Amino acid sequence: MITKLPKWILWGGAVLAFSAGCVNTTALMGFANLSVSHVTGNVSLFAAAIAYSDAHSILYIGALLLSFLAGAILSGFVIGQTSLTLGRRYGRALYFEAALLIAAYWLYQQHDYLGQLAAAMACGLQNAMVATYSGAVIRTTHLTGLTSDMGAAIGNWLAGRSISKPTLGFQAIIWYCFCSGSTVGAFLFAKVGYDALLVPIAIVLSAAFIYNYVSSTLPEKRQPKL
């Protein structure tokens, strides 16, 4: 349960949620018409493809699911552990994510379905990178679990039980930022197509630069061993 939220987690979660919303909407509105950040929906589509014996969809959606998993594996390999701690290798992970988004952008321009896989891998990496803080699960690439947690907290509050207001507030910010990013992504895609991805690419690269700068200014004794 979050009692006091460091500003770097608040701002980081907000901008990454905005970025993920933009990426996912762009991917969904593009020629592939598939989400890259929502595993649950894609599993349902995968099951439907199996039911209809649609070999092409089975292979492609299966690859999409594995790409998200591969991104999460890469996050675990680069960062290690699951608790958010300033000083870990988040900057390196963000550079990997930016590289994947750049690759997706280039592949999309070639009308290559591999762009969808690169974008899914970037989302998997980001979602695993932002894992937990003070026992609260933090997800920045989809809203299902987050909405459930918010609803349960509001229900407890209405019943007169105590809740963690900082946790609920942070979850509301993530929800709003993902929705805002999705809206911006939709508007941009309608106007400039896949150039909409330049916004999340710029966001992730900026986050990497800022994080590395802040980490480098910490006293050596405050930085955890990697």
C-alpha atoms as a PDB file:
ATOM      1  CA  MET A   1       0.000   0.000   0.000  1.00  0.00           C
ATOM      2  CA  ILE A   2       1.413   3.355  -1.049  1.00  0.00           C
ATOM      3  CA  THR A   3       1.640   5.915   1.755  1.00  0.00           C
ATOM      4  CA  LYS A   4       4.007   8.419   0.194  1.00  0.00           C
ATOM      5  CA  LEU A   5       4.774   8.427  -3.496  1.00  0.00           C
ATOM      6  CA  PRO A   6       8.175   9.698  -4.739  1.00  0.00           C
ATOM      7  CA  LYS A   7       7.779  12.226  -7.533  1.00  0.00           C
ATOM      8  CA  TRP A   8       9.970  10.210  -9.923  1.00  0.00           C
ATOM      9  CA  ILE A   9       7.520   7.295  -9.740  1.00  0.00           C
ATOM     10  CA  LEU A  10       4.500   9.585 -10.133  1.00  0.00           C
ATOM     11  CA  TRP A  11       5.856  11.390 -13.178  1.00  0.00           C
ATOM     12  CA  GLY A  12       7.445   8.277 -14.659  1.00  0.00           C
ATOM     13  CA  GLY A  13       4.261   6.234 -14.398  1.00  0.00           C
ATOM     14  CA  ALA A  14       2.176   9.056 -15.837  1.00  0.00           C
ATOM     15  CA  VAL A  15       4.301   9.726 -18.917  1.00  0.00           C
ATOM     16  CA  LEU A  16       4.828   6.029 -19.650  1.00  0.00           C
ATOM     17  CA  ALA A  17       1.087   5.358 -19.402  1.00  0.00           C
ATOM     18  CA  PHE A  18       0.448   8.246 -21.810  1.00  0.00           C
ATOM     19  CA  SER A  19       3.065   6.829 -24.183  1.00  0.00           C
ATOM     20  CA  ALA A  20       1.614   3.304 -24.023  1.00  0.00           C
ATOM     21  CA  GLY A  21      -1.883   4.595 -24.737  1.00  0.00           C
ATOM     22  CA  CYS A  22      -0.596   6.394 -27.822  1.00  0.00           C
ATOM     23  CA  VAL A  23       1.303   3.309 -29.050  1.00  0.00           C
ATOM     24  CA  ASN A  24      -1.607   0.942 -28.532  1.00  0.00           C
ATOM     25  CA  THR A  25      -4.173   3.136 -30.286  1.00  0.00           C
ATOM     26  CA  THR A  26      -1.835   3.693 -33.218  1.00  0.00           C
ATOM     27  CA  ALA A  27      -1.287  -0.052 -33.554  1.00  0.00           C
ATOM     28  CA  LEU A  28      -4.999  -0.774 -33.215  1.00  0.00           C
ATOM     29  CA  MET A  29      -5.994   1.776 -35.859  1.00  0.00           C
ATOM     30  CA  GLY A  30      -3.303   0.650 -38.295  1.00  0.00           C
ATOM     31  CA  PHE A  31      -3.436  -2.048 -40.947  1.00  0.00           C
ATOM     32  CA  ALA A  32      -2.976  -4.881 -38.421  1.00  0.00           C
ATOM     33  CA  ASN A  33      -6.031  -3.844 -36.340  1.00  0.00           C
ATOM     34  CA  LEU A  34      -4.648  -5.538 -33.228  1.00  0.00           C
ATOM     35  CA  SER A  35      -3.757  -4.269 -29.786  1.00  0.00           C
ATOM     36  CA  VAL A  36      -0.116  -4.488 -28.719  1.00  0.00           C
ATOM     37  CA  SER A  37      -0.564  -3.858 -25.003  1.00  0.00           C
ATOM     38  CA  HIS A  38      -3.616  -5.975 -24.129  1.00  0.00           C
ATOM     39  CA  VAL A  39      -2.719  -9.642 -23.822  1.00  0.00           C
ATOM     40  CA  THR A  40      -6.173 -10.758 -22.607  1.00  0.00           C
ATOM     41  CA  GLY A  41      -8.027  -9.555 -25.688  1.00  0.00           C
ATOM     42  CA  ASN A  42      -5.417 -11.018 -28.000  1.00  0.00           C
ATOM     43  CA  VAL A  43      -5.649 -14.390 -26.235  1.00  0.00           C
ATOM     44  CA  SER A  44      -9.393 -14.345 -26.944  1.00  0.00           C
ATOM     45  CA  LEU A  45      -8.695 -13.600 -30.613  1.00  0.00           C
ATOM     46  CA  PHE A  46      -6.094 -16.371 -30.618  1.00  0.00           C
ATOM     47  CA  ALA A  47      -8.662 -18.820 -29.261  1.00  0.00           C
ATOM     48  CA  ALA A  48     -11.193 -17.722 -31.894  1.00  0.00           C
ATOM     49  CA  ALA A  49      -8.574 -18.253 -34.603  1.00  0.00           C
ATOM     50  CA  ILE A  50      -8.032 -21.796 -33.321  1.00  0.00           C
ATOM     51  CA  ALA A  51     -11.784 -22.430 -33.341  1.00  0.00           C
ATOM     52  CA  TYR A  52     -12.012 -21.286 -36.965  1.00  0.00           C
ATOM     53  CA  SER A  53      -8.792 -23.084 -37.972  1.00  0.00           C
ATOM     54  CA  ASP A  54      -7.386 -19.786 -39.257  1.00  0.00           C
ATOM     55  CA  ALA A  55      -3.725 -20.753 -39.546  1.00  0.00           C
ATOM     56  CA  HIS A  56      -2.565 -17.261 -40.534  1.00  0.00           C
ATOM     57  CA  SER A  57      -4.201 -15.615 -37.519  1.00  0.00           C
ATOM     58  CA  ILE A  58      -3.014 -18.380 -35.199  1.00  0.00           C
ATOM     59  CA  LEU A  59       0.582 -17.812 -36.220  1.00  0.00           C
ATOM     60  CA  TYR A  60       0.423 -14.028 -36.241  1.00  0.00           C
ATOM     61  CA  ILE A  61      -1.505 -13.520 -32.992  1.00  0.00           C
ATOM     62  CA  GLY A  62       0.594 -16.213 -31.347  1.00  0.00           C
ATOM     63  CA  ALA A  63       3.730 -14.344 -32.392  1.00  0.00           C
ATOM     64  CA  LEU A  64       2.211 -11.136 -31.019  1.00  0.00           C
ATOM     65  CA  LEU A  65       1.617 -12.760 -27.618  1.00  0.00           C
ATOM     66  CA  LEU A  66       5.123 -14.180 -27.548  1.00  0.00           C
ATOM     67  CA  SER A  67       6.550 -10.770 -28.461  1.00  0.00           C
ATOM     68  CA  PHE A  68       4.911  -9.170 -25.425  1.00  0.00           C
ATOM     69  CA  LEU A  69       6.310 -11.991 -23.283  1.00  0.00           C
ATOM     70  CA  ALA A  70       9.759 -11.523 -24.844  1.00  0.00           C
ATOM     71  CA  GLY A  71       9.683  -7.846 -23.907  1.00  0.00           C
ATOM     72  CA  ALA A  72       8.868  -8.718 -20.300  1.00  0.00           C
ATOM     73  CA  ILE A  73      11.706 -11.262 -20.277  1.00  0.00           C
ATOM     74  CA  LEU A  74      14.093  -8.612 -21.592  1.00  0.00           C
ATOM     75  CA  SER A  75      12.988  -6.258 -18.819  1.00  0.00           C
ATOM     76  CA  GLY A  76      13.677  -8.874 -16.169  1.00  0.00           C
ATOM     77  CA  PHE A  77      17.077  -9.644 -17.700  1.00  0.00           C
ATOM     78  CA  VAL A  78      18.142  -5.994 -17.863  1.00  0.00           C
ATOM     79  CA  ILE A  79      16.696  -4.694 -14.587  1.00  0.00           C
ATOM     80  CA  GLY A  80      16.264  -7.671 -12.261  1.00  0.00           C
ATOM     81  CA  GLN A  81      14.005  -7.760  -9.202  1.00  0.00           C
ATOM     82  CA  THR A  82      10.471  -6.360  -9.183  1.00  0.00           C
ATOM     83  CA  SER A  83      10.554  -3.455  -6.733  1.00  0.00           C
ATOM     84  CA  LEU A  84      10.875   0.110  -8.007  1.00  0.00           C
ATOM     85  CA  THR A  85      14.129   1.568  -6.692  1.00  0.00           C
ATOM     86  CA  LEU A  86      15.879   4.652  -8.018  1.00  0.00           C
ATOM     87  CA  GLY A  87      19.302   3.675  -9.311  1.00  0.00           C
ATOM     88  CA  ARG A  88      18.387   0.447 -11.075  1.00  0.00           C
ATOM     89  CA  ARG A  89      18.926  -0.041 -14.805  1.00  0.00           C
ATOM     90  CA  TYR A  90      15.665   1.599 -15.856  1.00  0.00           C
ATOM     91  CA  GLY A  91      17.494   3.998 -18.156  1.00  0.00           C
ATOM     92  CA  ARG A  92      18.961   1.104 -20.123  1.00  0.00           C
ATOM     93  CA  ALA A  93      15.550  -0.571 -20.329  1.00  0.00           C
ATOM     94  CA  LEU A  94      14.014   2.673 -21.594  1.00  0.00           C
ATOM     95  CA  TYR A  95      16.630   2.886 -24.343  1.00  0.00           C
ATOM     96  CA  PHE A  96      15.754  -0.669 -25.373  1.00  0.00           C
ATOM     97  CA  GLU A  97      12.087   0.299 -25.449  1.00  0.00           C
ATOM     98  CA  ALA A  98      12.808   3.365 -27.570  1.00  0.00           C
ATOM     99  CA  ALA A  99      14.842   1.220 -29.988  1.00  0.00           C
ATOM    100  CA  LEU A 100      11.930  -1.207 -30.316  1.00  0.00           C
ATOM    101  CA  LEU A 101       9.493   1.644 -30.975  1.00  0.00           C
ATOM    102  CA  ILE A 102      11.824   3.109 -33.603  1.00  0.00           C
ATOM    103  CA  ALA A 103      12.037  -0.324 -35.253  1.00  0.00           C
ATOM    104  CA  ALA A 104       8.236  -0.603 -35.125  1.00  0.00           C
ATOM    105  CA  TYR A 105       7.885   2.837 -36.684  1.00  0.00           C
ATOM    106  CA  TRP A 106      10.207   1.935 -39.569  1.00  0.00           C
ATOM    107  CA  LEU A 107       8.557  -1.450 -40.131  1.00  0.00           C
ATOM    108  CA  TYR A 108       5.078   0.065 -40.086  1.00  0.00           C
ATOM    109  CA  GLN A 109       6.188   2.484 -42.780  1.00  0.00           C
ATOM    110  CA  GLN A 110       7.114  -0.549 -44.902  1.00  0.00           C
ATOM    111  CA  HIS A 111       3.675  -2.053 -44.191  1.00  0.00           C
ATOM    112  CA  ASP A 112       5.467  -4.920 -42.464  1.00  0.00           C
ATOM    113  CA  TYR A 113       3.584  -6.916 -39.816  1.00  0.00           C
ATOM    114  CA  LEU A 114       6.831  -7.243 -37.870  1.00  0.00           C
ATOM    115  CA  GLY A 115       6.221  -3.657 -36.746  1.00  0.00           C
ATOM    116  CA  GLN A 116       3.316  -4.922 -34.667  1.00  0.00           C
ATOM    117  CA  LEU A 117       5.593  -7.478 -33.002  1.00  0.00           C
ATOM    118  CA  ALA A 118       8.225  -4.848 -32.191  1.00  0.00           C
ATOM    119  CA  ALA A 119       5.572  -2.575 -30.669  1.00  0.00           C
ATOM    120  CA  ALA A 120       4.177  -5.462 -28.591  1.00  0.00           C
ATOM    121  CA  MET A 121       7.662  -6.279 -27.325  1.00  0.00           C
ATOM    122  CA  ALA A 122       8.146  -2.633 -26.316  1.00  0.00           C
ATOM    123  CA  CYS A 123       4.885  -2.724 -24.357  1.00  0.00           C
ATOM    124  CA  GLY A 124       5.842  -5.977 -22.643  1.00  0.00           C
ATOM    125  CA  LEU A 125       9.173  -4.498 -21.652  1.00  0.00           C
ATOM    126  CA  GLN A 126       7.555  -1.357 -20.239  1.00  0.00           C
ATOM    127  CA  ASN A 127       4.828  -3.203 -18.375  1.00  0.00           C
ATOM    128  CA  ALA A 128       7.311  -5.489 -16.631  1.00  0.00           C
ATOM    129  CA  MET A 129       9.729  -2.630 -15.969  1.00  0.00           C
ATOM    130  CA  VAL A 130       7.186  -0.719 -13.886  1.00  0.00           C
ATOM    131  CA  ALA A 131       6.261  -3.488 -11.482  1.00  0.00           C
ATOM    132  CA  THR A 132       5.574  -2.796  -7.797  1.00  0.00           C
ATOM    133  CA  TYR A 133       6.062  -0.071  -5.227  1.00  0.00           C
ATOM    134  CA  SER A 134       5.270  -0.538  -1.521  1.00  0.00           C
ATOM    135  CA  GLY A 135       3.179  -3.603  -2.301  1.00  0.00           C
ATOM    136  CA  ALA A 136       1.016  -1.814  -4.863  1.00  0.00           C
ATOM    137  CA  VAL A 137       1.024  -3.330  -8.354  1.00  0.00           C
ATOM    138  CA  ILE A 138       1.727  -0.706 -11.009  1.00  0.00           C
ATOM    139  CA  ARG A 139       0.845  -1.323 -14.649  1.00  0.00           C
ATOM    140  CA  THR A 140       1.211   1.295 -17.372  1.00  0.00           C
ATOM    141  CA  THR A 141       0.183  -0.464 -20.613  1.00  0.00           C
ATOM    142  CA  HIS A 142      -3.387  -1.565 -19.846  1.00  0.00           C
ATOM    143  CA  LEU A 143      -6.199  -0.641 -17.471  1.00  0.00           C
ATOM    144  CA  THR A 144      -8.183  -3.792 -16.637  1.00  0.00           C
ATOM    145  CA  GLY A 145      -6.516  -4.655 -13.334  1.00  0.00           C
ATOM    146  CA  LEU A 146      -6.092  -0.992 -12.489  1.00  0.00           C
ATOM    147  CA  THR A 147      -9.798  -0.290 -12.986  1.00  0.00           C
ATOM    148  CA  SER A 148     -10.687  -3.309 -10.839  1.00  0.00           C
ATOM    149  CA  ASP A 149      -8.391  -2.111  -8.047  1.00  0.00           C
ATOM    150  CA  MET A 150      -9.853   1.393  -8.232  1.00  0.00           C
ATOM    151  CA  GLY A 151     -13.402   0.055  -8.140  1.00  0.00           C
ATOM    152  CA  ALA A 152     -12.671  -2.132  -5.129  1.00  0.00           C
ATOM    153  CA  ALA A 153     -11.052   0.789  -3.305  1.00  0.00           C
ATOM    154  CA  ILE A 154     -13.991   3.096  -4.031  1.00  0.00           C
ATOM    155  CA  GLY A 155     -16.389   0.384  -2.865  1.00  0.00           C
ATOM    156  CA  ASN A 156     -14.493   0.041   0.409  1.00  0.00           C
ATOM    157  CA  TRP A 157     -14.543   3.807   0.828  1.00  0.00           C
ATOM    158  CA  LEU A 158     -18.303   3.945   0.250  1.00  0.00           C
ATOM    159  CA  ALA A 159     -18.713   1.210   2.870  1.00  0.00           C
ATOM    160  CA  GLY A 160     -16.860   3.369   5.382  1.00  0.00           C
ATOM    161  CA  ARG A 161     -13.632   1.357   5.386  1.00  0.00           C
ATOM    162  CA  SER A 162     -10.189   2.927   5.279  1.00  0.00           C
ATOM    163  CA  ILE A 163      -8.339   2.950   1.959  1.00  0.00           C
ATOM    164  CA  SER A 164      -4.995   4.190   0.704  1.00  0.00           C
ATOM    165  CA  LYS A 165      -5.856   7.519  -0.905  1.00  0.00           C
ATOM    166  CA  PRO A 166      -2.338   7.978  -2.367  1.00  0.00           C
ATOM    167  CA  THR A 167      -2.658   4.584  -4.073  1.00  0.00           C
ATOM    168  CA  LEU A 168      -6.097   5.424  -5.466  1.00  0.00           C
ATOM    169  CA  GLY A 169      -4.888   8.836  -6.600  1.00  0.00           C
ATOM    170  CA  PHE A 170      -1.886   7.354  -8.388  1.00  0.00           C
ATOM    171  CA  GLN A 171      -4.074   4.740 -10.080  1.00  0.00           C
ATOM    172  CA  ALA A 172      -6.452   7.478 -11.232  1.00  0.00           C
ATOM    173  CA  ILE A 173      -3.534   9.405 -12.728  1.00  0.00           C
ATOM    174  CA  ILE A 174      -2.327   6.322 -14.630  1.00  0.00           C
ATOM    175  CA  TRP A 175      -5.883   5.712 -15.895  1.00  0.00           C
ATOM    176  CA  TYR A 176      -6.275   9.311 -17.037  1.00  0.00           C
ATOM    177  CA  CYS A 177      -2.857   9.433 -18.719  1.00  0.00           C
ATOM    178  CA  PHE A 178      -3.382   6.166 -20.623  1.00  0.00           C
ATOM    179  CA  CYS A 179      -6.778   7.410 -21.803  1.00  0.00           C
ATOM    180  CA  SER A 180      -5.278  10.768 -22.787  1.00  0.00           C
ATOM    181  CA  GLY A 181      -2.439   9.089 -24.661  1.00  0.00           C
ATOM    182  CA  SER A 182      -4.939   6.882 -26.483  1.00  0.00           C
ATOM    183  CA  THR A 183      -6.962   9.922 -27.503  1.00  0.00           C
ATOM    184  CA  VAL A 184      -3.902  11.806 -28.721  1.00  0.00           C
ATOM    185  CA  GLY A 185      -2.729   8.720 -30.600  1.00  0.00           C
ATOM    186  CA  ALA A 186      -6.111   8.386 -32.323  1.00  0.00           C
ATOM    187  CA  PHE A 187      -6.169  12.025 -33.402  1.00  0.00           C
ATOM    188  CA  LEU A 188      -2.577  11.884 -34.624  1.00  0.00           C
ATOM    189  CA  PHE A 189      -3.048   8.635 -36.512  1.00  0.00           C
ATOM    190  CA  ALA A 190      -6.097  10.096 -38.264  1.00  0.00           C
ATOM    191  CA  LYS A 191      -3.954  13.065 -39.354  1.00  0.00           C
ATOM    192  CA  VAL A 192      -0.433  11.714 -39.926  1.00  0.00           C
ATOM    193  CA  GLY A 193      -0.688   7.919 -39.804  1.00  0.00           C
ATOM    194  CA  TYR A 194       2.183   6.051 -38.213  1.00  0.00           C
ATOM    195  CA  ASP A 195       4.079   9.296 -37.641  1.00  0.00           C
ATOM    196  CA  ALA A 196       1.969   9.339 -34.466  1.00  0.00           C
ATOM    197  CA  LEU A 197       4.597   6.973 -33.028  1.00  0.00           C
ATOM    198  CA  LEU A 198       7.125   9.800 -33.022  1.00  0.00           C
ATOM    199  CA  VAL A 199       5.395  11.146 -29.895  1.00  0.00           C
ATOM    200  CA  PRO A 200       5.886   8.031 -27.717  1.00  0.00           C
ATOM    201  CA  ILE A 201       9.393   7.586 -29.124  1.00  0.00           C
ATOM    202  CA  ALA A 202      10.260  11.131 -28.008  1.00  0.00           C
ATOM    203  CA  ILE A 203       8.643  10.530 -24.605  1.00  0.00           C
ATOM    204  CA  VAL A 204      10.524   7.303 -23.909  1.00  0.00           C
ATOM    205  CA  LEU A 205      13.865   8.722 -25.074  1.00  0.00           C
ATOM    206  CA  SER A 206      13.349  11.829 -22.931  1.00  0.00           C
ATOM    207  CA  ALA A 207      12.463   9.671 -19.937  1.00  0.00           C
ATOM    208  CA  ALA A 208      15.660   7.662 -20.438  1.00  0.00           C
ATOM    209  CA  PHE A 209      17.809  10.807 -20.640  1.00  0.00           C
ATOM    210  CA  ILE A 210      16.198  12.374 -17.573  1.00  0.00           C
ATOM    211  CA  TYR A 211      16.343   9.181 -15.523  1.00  0.00           C
ATOM    212  CA  ASN A 212      20.031   8.640 -16.292  1.00  0.00           C
ATOM    213  CA  TYR A 213      20.790  12.251 -15.421  1.00  0.00           C
ATOM    214  CA  VAL A 214      18.923  12.097 -12.107  1.00  0.00           C
ATOM    215  CA  SER A 215      20.516   8.760 -11.206  1.00  0.00           C
ATOM    216  CA  SER A 216      23.987  10.092 -11.979  1.00  0.00           C
ATOM    217  CA  THR A 217      23.502  12.996  -9.566  1.00  0.00           C
ATOM    218  CA  LEU A 218      22.672  10.722  -6.611  1.00  0.00           C
ATOM    219  CA  PRO A 219      25.379  10.318  -3.973  1.00  0.00           C
ATOM    220  CA  GLU A 220      27.171   7.017  -4.454  1.00  0.00           C
ATOM    221  CA  LYS A 221      26.093   5.706  -1.076  1.00  0.00           C
ATOM    222  CA  ARG A 222      22.395   6.181  -1.909  1.00  0.00           C
ATOM    223  CA  GLN A 223      22.530   4.162  -5.094  1.00  0.00           C
ATOM    224  CA  PRO A 224      21.632   0.481  -4.590  1.00  0.00           C
ATOM    225  CA  LYS A 225      24.005  -2.222  -5.739  1.00  0.00           C
ATOM    226  CA  LEU A 226      23.123  -3.617  -9.159  1.00  0.00           C
END
